[in-house]
Amino acid sequence: MQFIDFIGYTAGILVIASLIPQMIKSWRSKSTKDISLFRYLIYVVGIVLWLTYAILLKNGPMIFSNAIAIIFAGSILYMKFKYG
């Protein structure tokens, strides 16, 4: 693995890790009232665009991190719709 890929994977893992506390809190409390729907809509659309960009570039670290980030951020967005 090249050093630049290491940086990319590390950055991706940190971004993914930043979503985990909110996902767990929302799941446990069944409440998302303090989460901005607009912010998460924008965030998920941004991640989808980043993933598309990464696929077009065939950039492994970006594909990996954005694919997982979509799952996590999408889960939070789903809970926002479900729990309000």
N, C-alpha and C. Protein backbone atom coordinates (compact mmCIF):
# COMPACT_ATOMS: atom_id res chain seq x y z
N MET A 1 0.84 -1.18 0.00
CA MET A 1 0.00 0.00 0.00
C MET A 1 0.89 1.24 0.00
N GLN A 2 0.55 2.15 -0.87
CA GLN A 2 1.30 3.40 -0.93
C GLN A 2 0.88 4.31 0.22
N PHE A 3 1.77 5.21 0.58
CA PHE A 3 1.51 6.13 1.68
C PHE A 3 0.27 6.98 1.41
N ILE A 4 0.08 7.40 0.18
CA ILE A 4 -1.08 8.24 -0.16
C ILE A 4 -2.38 7.47 0.04
N ASP A 5 -2.38 6.15 -0.26
CA ASP A 5 -3.55 5.33 0.00
C ASP A 5 -3.79 5.17 1.50
N PHE A 6 -2.72 5.05 2.26
CA PHE A 6 -2.83 4.96 3.71
C PHE A 6 -3.52 6.20 4.27
N ILE A 7 -3.12 7.36 3.78
CA ILE A 7 -3.75 8.62 4.20
C ILE A 7 -5.23 8.61 3.84
N GLY A 8 -5.54 8.16 2.63
CA GLY A 8 -6.94 8.11 2.19
C GLY A 8 -7.79 7.19 3.03
N TYR A 9 -7.29 5.98 3.30
CA TYR A 9 -8.03 5.03 4.13
C TYR A 9 -8.18 5.55 5.57
N THR A 10 -7.14 6.16 6.10
CA THR A 10 -7.19 6.70 7.45
C THR A 10 -8.23 7.82 7.54
N ALA A 11 -8.24 8.71 6.57
CA ALA A 11 -9.23 9.79 6.54
C ALA A 11 -10.64 9.21 6.46
N GLY A 12 -10.82 8.23 5.60
CA GLY A 12 -12.13 7.60 5.46
C GLY A 12 -12.60 6.94 6.73
N ILE A 13 -11.72 6.23 7.40
CA ILE A 13 -12.07 5.57 8.65
C ILE A 13 -12.46 6.59 9.71
N LEU A 14 -11.75 7.70 9.77
CA LEU A 14 -12.09 8.75 10.75
C LEU A 14 -13.45 9.37 10.46
N VAL A 15 -13.76 9.60 9.20
CA VAL A 15 -15.07 10.16 8.83
C VAL A 15 -16.17 9.17 9.20
N ILE A 16 -15.95 7.90 8.89
CA ILE A 16 -16.92 6.86 9.24
C ILE A 16 -17.09 6.79 10.75
N ALA A 17 -15.99 6.80 11.47
CA ALA A 17 -16.03 6.72 12.93
C ALA A 17 -16.80 7.90 13.53
N SER A 18 -16.75 9.05 12.88
CA SER A 18 -17.46 10.21 13.41
C SER A 18 -18.98 10.04 13.34
N LEU A 19 -19.46 9.15 12.48
CA LEU A 19 -20.89 8.91 12.36
C LEU A 19 -21.42 7.89 13.38
N ILE A 20 -20.54 7.06 13.89
CA ILE A 20 -20.96 5.96 14.76
C ILE A 20 -21.63 6.43 16.05
N PRO A 21 -21.08 7.40 16.78
CA PRO A 21 -21.75 7.81 18.03
C PRO A 21 -23.19 8.29 17.82
N GLN A 22 -23.42 9.07 16.76
CA GLN A 22 -24.78 9.56 16.50
C GLN A 22 -25.70 8.42 16.11
N MET A 23 -25.19 7.50 15.32
CA MET A 23 -25.99 6.36 14.89
C MET A 23 -26.40 5.52 16.11
N ILE A 24 -25.47 5.24 16.99
CA ILE A 24 -25.75 4.45 18.19
C ILE A 24 -26.73 5.19 19.11
N LYS A 25 -26.49 6.48 19.32
CA LYS A 25 -27.37 7.25 20.20
C LYS A 25 -28.80 7.29 19.66
N SER A 26 -28.93 7.52 18.36
CA SER A 26 -30.27 7.57 17.76
C SER A 26 -30.97 6.22 17.84
N TRP A 27 -30.23 5.16 17.62
CA TRP A 27 -30.80 3.81 17.66
C TRP A 27 -31.24 3.45 19.08
N ARG A 28 -30.40 3.75 20.06
CA ARG A 28 -30.73 3.42 21.45
C ARG A 28 -31.89 4.24 21.99
N SER A 29 -31.87 5.54 21.71
CA SER A 29 -32.89 6.43 22.27
C SER A 29 -34.17 6.46 21.44
N LYS A 30 -34.10 5.99 20.21
CA LYS A 30 -35.24 6.04 19.28
C LYS A 30 -35.72 7.48 19.12
N SER A 31 -34.76 8.41 19.17
CA SER A 31 -35.09 9.82 19.04
C SER A 31 -34.03 10.51 18.17
N THR A 32 -34.54 11.31 17.25
CA THR A 32 -33.63 12.10 16.40
C THR A 32 -34.10 13.56 16.34
N LYS A 33 -34.82 13.98 17.36
CA LYS A 33 -35.41 15.32 17.33
C LYS A 33 -34.37 16.44 17.25
N ASP A 34 -33.17 16.21 17.75
CA ASP A 34 -32.14 17.25 17.73
C ASP A 34 -31.25 17.18 16.49
N ILE A 35 -31.57 16.30 15.58
CA ILE A 35 -30.76 16.15 14.36
C ILE A 35 -31.44 16.93 13.23
N SER A 36 -30.67 17.67 12.49
CA SER A 36 -31.20 18.44 11.37
C SER A 36 -31.42 17.53 10.16
N LEU A 37 -32.68 17.44 9.74
CA LEU A 37 -33.01 16.66 8.55
C LEU A 37 -32.31 17.22 7.32
N PHE A 38 -32.34 18.53 7.17
CA PHE A 38 -31.72 19.19 6.03
C PHE A 38 -30.22 18.90 5.96
N ARG A 39 -29.55 18.93 7.09
CA ARG A 39 -28.12 18.66 7.14
C ARG A 39 -27.81 17.24 6.67
N TYR A 40 -28.57 16.27 7.14
CA TYR A 40 -28.31 14.89 6.75
C TYR A 40 -28.71 14.62 5.31
N LEU A 41 -29.74 15.28 4.80
CA LEU A 41 -30.07 15.14 3.38
C LEU A 41 -28.92 15.65 2.51
N ILE A 42 -28.42 16.82 2.85
CA ILE A 42 -27.29 17.38 2.10
C ILE A 42 -26.07 16.47 2.22
N TYR A 43 -25.81 15.98 3.41
CA TYR A 43 -24.65 15.12 3.65
C TYR A 43 -24.72 13.84 2.84
N VAL A 44 -25.86 13.17 2.84
CA VAL A 44 -26.01 11.92 2.09
C VAL A 44 -25.88 12.17 0.59
N VAL A 45 -26.47 13.23 0.09
CA VAL A 45 -26.32 13.56 -1.34
C VAL A 45 -24.85 13.83 -1.66
N GLY A 46 -24.17 14.55 -0.78
CA GLY A 46 -22.74 14.82 -0.98
C GLY A 46 -21.93 13.53 -1.01
N ILE A 47 -22.23 12.60 -0.11
CA ILE A 47 -21.51 11.34 -0.09
C ILE A 47 -21.77 10.54 -1.36
N VAL A 48 -23.00 10.54 -1.82
CA VAL A 48 -23.32 9.84 -3.07
C VAL A 48 -22.52 10.42 -4.23
N LEU A 49 -22.42 11.74 -4.27
CA LEU A 49 -21.62 12.38 -5.32
C LEU A 49 -20.14 12.05 -5.19
N TRP A 50 -19.61 12.05 -3.95
CA TRP A 50 -18.21 11.66 -3.74
C TRP A 50 -17.97 10.22 -4.17
N LEU A 51 -18.92 9.34 -3.86
CA LEU A 51 -18.78 7.94 -4.26
C LEU A 51 -18.78 7.81 -5.78
N THR A 52 -19.66 8.54 -6.43
CA THR A 52 -19.69 8.53 -7.90
C THR A 52 -18.36 9.01 -8.47
N TYR A 53 -17.85 10.08 -7.93
CA TYR A 53 -16.55 10.63 -8.34
C TYR A 53 -15.45 9.60 -8.13
N ALA A 54 -15.45 8.95 -6.97
CA ALA A 54 -14.42 7.95 -6.65
C ALA A 54 -14.48 6.76 -7.60
N ILE A 55 -15.69 6.33 -7.93
CA ILE A 55 -15.84 5.21 -8.87
C ILE A 55 -15.30 5.59 -10.24
N LEU A 56 -15.61 6.80 -10.68
CA LEU A 56 -15.11 7.26 -11.98
C LEU A 56 -13.59 7.34 -12.00
N LEU A 57 -13.00 7.71 -10.87
CA LEU A 57 -11.53 7.78 -10.77
C LEU A 57 -10.90 6.44 -10.43
N LYS A 58 -11.74 5.46 -10.06
CA LYS A 58 -11.25 4.15 -9.61
C LYS A 58 -10.31 4.30 -8.41
N ASN A 59 -10.74 5.12 -7.45
CA ASN A 59 -9.94 5.41 -6.27
C ASN A 59 -10.44 4.55 -5.10
N GLY A 60 -9.69 3.52 -4.77
CA GLY A 60 -10.08 2.56 -3.75
C GLY A 60 -10.41 3.15 -2.40
N PRO A 61 -9.52 3.96 -1.82
CA PRO A 61 -9.82 4.52 -0.50
C PRO A 61 -11.11 5.34 -0.47
N MET A 62 -11.35 6.12 -1.51
CA MET A 62 -12.56 6.94 -1.56
C MET A 62 -13.80 6.09 -1.76
N ILE A 63 -13.70 5.06 -2.58
CA ILE A 63 -14.84 4.16 -2.79
C ILE A 63 -15.20 3.47 -1.47
N PHE A 64 -14.18 2.92 -0.80
CA PHE A 64 -14.38 2.23 0.47
C PHE A 64 -15.05 3.13 1.50
N SER A 65 -14.47 4.28 1.73
CA SER A 65 -14.97 5.14 2.81
C SER A 65 -16.34 5.73 2.49
N ASN A 66 -16.57 6.12 1.27
CA ASN A 66 -17.86 6.72 0.94
C ASN A 66 -18.97 5.69 0.88
N ALA A 67 -18.68 4.47 0.46
CA ALA A 67 -19.69 3.42 0.46
C ALA A 67 -20.15 3.12 1.88
N ILE A 68 -19.23 3.02 2.79
CA ILE A 68 -19.59 2.75 4.19
C ILE A 68 -20.26 3.98 4.82
N ALA A 69 -19.77 5.17 4.49
CA ALA A 69 -20.37 6.39 5.03
C ALA A 69 -21.82 6.54 4.57
N ILE A 70 -22.13 6.11 3.35
CA ILE A 70 -23.51 6.16 2.87
C ILE A 70 -24.40 5.27 3.75
N ILE A 71 -23.89 4.10 4.08
CA ILE A 71 -24.66 3.18 4.93
C ILE A 71 -24.92 3.81 6.30
N PHE A 72 -23.89 4.35 6.91
CA PHE A 72 -24.03 4.92 8.25
C PHE A 72 -24.89 6.19 8.23
N ALA A 73 -24.58 7.12 7.35
CA ALA A 73 -25.35 8.36 7.28
C ALA A 73 -26.78 8.07 6.82
N GLY A 74 -26.92 7.12 5.91
CA GLY A 74 -28.25 6.71 5.48
C GLY A 74 -29.06 6.12 6.61
N SER A 75 -28.40 5.39 7.49
CA SER A 75 -29.08 4.82 8.67
C SER A 75 -29.59 5.93 9.58
N ILE A 76 -28.77 6.93 9.79
CA ILE A 76 -29.19 8.06 10.62
C ILE A 76 -30.36 8.80 9.95
N LEU A 77 -30.28 8.99 8.65
CA LEU A 77 -31.35 9.65 7.92
C LEU A 77 -32.64 8.82 8.00
N TYR A 78 -32.51 7.51 7.86
CA TYR A 78 -33.67 6.62 7.98
C TYR A 78 -34.31 6.77 9.37
N MET A 79 -33.47 6.78 10.41
CA MET A 79 -34.00 6.93 11.77
C MET A 79 -34.67 8.31 11.95
N LYS A 80 -34.13 9.32 11.28
CA LYS A 80 -34.75 10.65 11.36
C LYS A 80 -36.16 10.60 10.81
N PHE A 81 -36.36 9.92 9.69
CA PHE A 81 -37.69 9.79 9.12
C PHE A 81 -38.58 8.90 9.99
N LYS A 82 -38.02 7.84 10.53
CA LYS A 82 -38.79 6.88 11.33
C LYS A 82 -39.17 7.44 12.69
N TYR A 83 -38.23 8.05 13.39
CA TYR A 83 -38.47 8.51 14.75
C TYR A 83 -38.81 9.99 14.86
N GLY A 84 -38.52 10.73 13.81
CA GLY A 84 -38.86 12.15 13.79
C GLY A 84 -38.06 13.05 14.62
